[in-house]
């Protein structure tokens, strides 16, 4: 969905008294660690909106070999998950502008992020929301999957 559509969705949900949860990431090669993270994030509120890095921003962050899966396909897979209520692509280096536009009640990031490094924390806390650092599933990562494919005998 577009940023405008995501803002409309959030406004409608909020008008119904719903609690909006937001998280973001690349979500390249979706795996069980992603799924469990998204399910737990959704459990914190009534609706989960996911920000997905554009292909261009992924290349800028992770290098020219990423993403493996295109932004359109990553969005399609995420939208098919029952725990996800909306997906929006952002092209900036960080999701700060998207978080500022959506004004979620709860911002979720992996516990691998330091509290003071969570982008959008200022926006969410300024409106009385909260930031949740969620545990990451050990042994599950896209990078590990890519390494295993590239070096199958490891």
Protein backbone atom coordinates (compact mmCIF):
# COMPACT_ATOMS: atom_id res chain seq x y z
CA UNK A 1 0.00 0.00 0.00
CA UNK A 2 1.10 3.57 -0.47
CA UNK A 3 2.13 5.74 2.47
CA UNK A 4 -1.14 7.66 2.07
CA UNK A 5 -3.18 4.42 2.15
CA UNK A 6 -1.24 3.27 5.21
CA UNK A 7 -1.99 6.56 6.96
CA UNK A 8 -5.68 6.18 6.10
CA UNK A 9 -5.71 2.61 7.42
CA UNK A 10 -4.07 3.68 10.68
CA UNK A 11 -6.52 6.60 11.07
CA UNK A 12 -9.51 4.27 10.54
CA UNK A 13 -8.16 1.70 12.98
CA UNK A 14 -7.37 4.34 15.58
CA UNK A 15 -10.86 5.85 15.20
CA UNK A 16 -12.20 2.38 16.05
CA UNK A 17 -10.13 2.37 19.24
CA UNK A 18 -7.53 -0.05 17.91
CA UNK A 19 -3.90 -0.11 19.04
CA UNK A 20 -1.48 0.19 16.12
CA UNK A 21 1.83 -1.70 16.16
CA UNK A 22 4.59 -0.87 13.68
CA UNK A 23 7.80 -2.63 12.81
CA UNK A 24 10.12 -2.46 9.85
CA UNK A 25 12.86 -4.33 8.10
CA UNK A 26 14.13 -5.88 4.90
CA UNK A 27 12.35 -9.25 5.32
CA UNK A 28 14.44 -10.81 2.56
CA UNK A 29 14.04 -14.61 2.31
CA UNK A 30 11.27 -14.74 4.89
CA UNK A 31 12.00 -17.42 7.49
CA UNK A 32 10.55 -18.76 10.72
CA UNK A 33 12.46 -16.18 12.77
CA UNK A 34 10.69 -13.40 10.85
CA UNK A 35 7.33 -15.14 11.21
CA UNK A 36 7.62 -15.60 14.97
CA UNK A 37 8.80 -12.01 15.40
CA UNK A 38 5.86 -10.65 13.39
CA UNK A 39 3.36 -12.83 15.24
CA UNK A 40 4.66 -11.64 18.62
CA UNK A 41 4.63 -8.01 17.43
CA UNK A 42 1.01 -8.35 16.30
CA UNK A 43 0.15 -9.80 19.70
CA UNK A 44 1.07 -6.47 21.30
CA UNK A 45 -1.85 -4.63 19.70
CA UNK A 46 -4.86 -4.83 17.41
CA UNK A 47 -3.17 -4.21 14.05
CA UNK A 48 0.35 -4.61 12.68
CA UNK A 49 1.73 -2.36 9.97
CA UNK A 50 5.09 -3.37 8.51
CA UNK A 51 7.50 -0.98 6.81
CA UNK A 52 9.67 -2.68 4.19
CA UNK A 53 12.92 -1.25 2.87
CA UNK A 54 12.82 -0.60 -0.87
CA UNK A 55 15.26 -2.50 -3.07
CA UNK A 56 17.32 0.68 -3.44
CA UNK A 57 17.58 1.24 0.31
CA UNK A 58 18.48 -2.43 0.91
CA UNK A 59 21.37 -2.15 -1.57
CA UNK A 60 22.54 1.02 0.18
CA UNK A 61 22.47 -0.68 3.58
CA UNK A 62 23.49 -4.29 2.82
CA UNK A 63 25.45 -4.02 -0.43
CA UNK A 64 24.94 -4.74 -4.13
CA UNK A 65 24.08 -8.44 -3.70
CA UNK A 66 20.96 -7.71 -1.67
CA UNK A 67 18.06 -7.98 -1.65
CA UNK A 68 17.69 -11.52 -2.93
CA UNK A 69 13.93 -11.06 -3.31
CA UNK A 70 12.40 -7.96 -4.92
CA UNK A 71 10.44 -5.45 -2.85
CA UNK A 72 7.20 -6.40 -4.64
CA UNK A 73 7.66 -10.07 -3.77
CA UNK A 74 8.69 -9.31 -0.18
CA UNK A 75 5.53 -7.20 0.23
CA UNK A 76 3.34 -9.91 -1.33
CA UNK A 77 4.64 -12.56 1.06
CA UNK A 78 4.23 -10.31 4.12
CA UNK A 79 0.70 -9.28 3.10
CA UNK A 80 -0.26 -12.98 2.95
CA UNK A 81 0.53 -13.44 6.65
CA UNK A 82 -2.51 -13.41 8.93
CA UNK A 83 -0.61 -11.41 11.55
CA UNK A 84 0.11 -8.50 9.16
CA UNK A 85 -2.59 -5.90 8.53
CA UNK A 86 -0.70 -3.65 6.14
CA UNK A 87 2.66 -3.34 4.41
CA UNK A 88 4.23 -0.16 3.10
CA UNK A 89 7.55 0.31 1.30
CA UNK A 90 9.90 3.11 2.33
CA UNK A 91 12.81 4.29 0.22
CA UNK A 92 14.68 6.34 2.78
CA UNK A 93 17.69 5.04 4.68
CA UNK A 94 15.57 4.85 7.85
CA UNK A 95 11.81 4.59 8.49
CA UNK A 96 11.70 7.81 10.55
CA UNK A 97 9.52 9.74 8.09
CA UNK A 98 7.14 6.78 7.76
CA UNK A 99 6.86 6.40 11.53
CA UNK A 100 6.23 10.13 11.85
CA UNK A 101 3.44 9.88 9.26
CA UNK A 102 1.81 6.79 10.79
CA UNK A 103 2.20 7.71 14.48
CA UNK A 104 1.93 4.11 15.76
CA UNK A 105 1.07 3.37 19.36
CA UNK A 106 3.74 0.70 19.68
CA UNK A 107 7.06 0.50 17.83
CA UNK A 108 8.73 -2.92 17.77
CA UNK A 109 12.37 -3.63 16.90
CA UNK A 110 14.58 -6.61 17.48
CA UNK A 111 16.45 -6.79 20.77
CA UNK A 112 19.65 -6.67 18.74
CA UNK A 113 19.02 -2.92 18.42
CA UNK A 114 20.24 -0.73 21.29
CA UNK A 115 17.44 1.29 22.89
CA UNK A 116 19.02 4.59 21.91
CA UNK A 117 19.49 3.42 18.29
CA UNK A 118 15.84 2.64 17.56
CA UNK A 119 14.70 4.99 14.82
CA UNK A 120 11.31 6.55 15.52
CA UNK A 121 11.51 6.12 19.28
CA UNK A 122 11.24 9.90 19.68
CA UNK A 123 8.05 10.05 17.60
CA UNK A 124 6.29 7.20 19.36
CA UNK A 125 7.22 8.20 22.89
CA UNK A 126 6.32 11.87 22.25
CA UNK A 127 2.71 10.85 21.69
CA UNK A 128 2.66 8.56 24.74
CA UNK A 129 3.35 5.33 22.88
CA UNK A 130 5.88 2.71 23.78
CA UNK A 131 8.87 1.02 22.19
CA UNK A 132 9.33 -2.73 22.57
CA UNK A 133 12.62 -4.52 21.94
CA UNK A 134 11.65 -8.05 20.98
CA UNK A 135 13.85 -11.11 21.33
CA UNK A 136 15.23 -12.48 18.08
CA UNK A 137 14.89 -16.19 17.31
CA UNK A 138 18.36 -17.67 17.81
CA UNK A 139 19.82 -19.47 14.84
CA UNK A 140 17.55 -17.84 12.26
CA UNK A 141 18.78 -15.12 9.93
CA UNK A 142 18.70 -14.34 6.25
CA UNK A 143 22.48 -13.93 6.23
CA UNK A 144 22.91 -17.44 7.66
CA UNK A 145 20.60 -18.86 4.98
CA UNK A 146 22.55 -17.09 2.25
CA UNK A 147 25.86 -18.35 3.68
CA UNK A 148 24.52 -21.91 3.81
CA UNK A 149 23.41 -21.75 0.17
CA UNK A 150 26.74 -20.33 -0.94
CA UNK A 151 28.76 -22.86 1.10
CA UNK A 152 26.59 -25.98 1.33
CA UNK A 153 29.24 -28.15 3.03
CA UNK A 154 29.51 -25.92 6.08
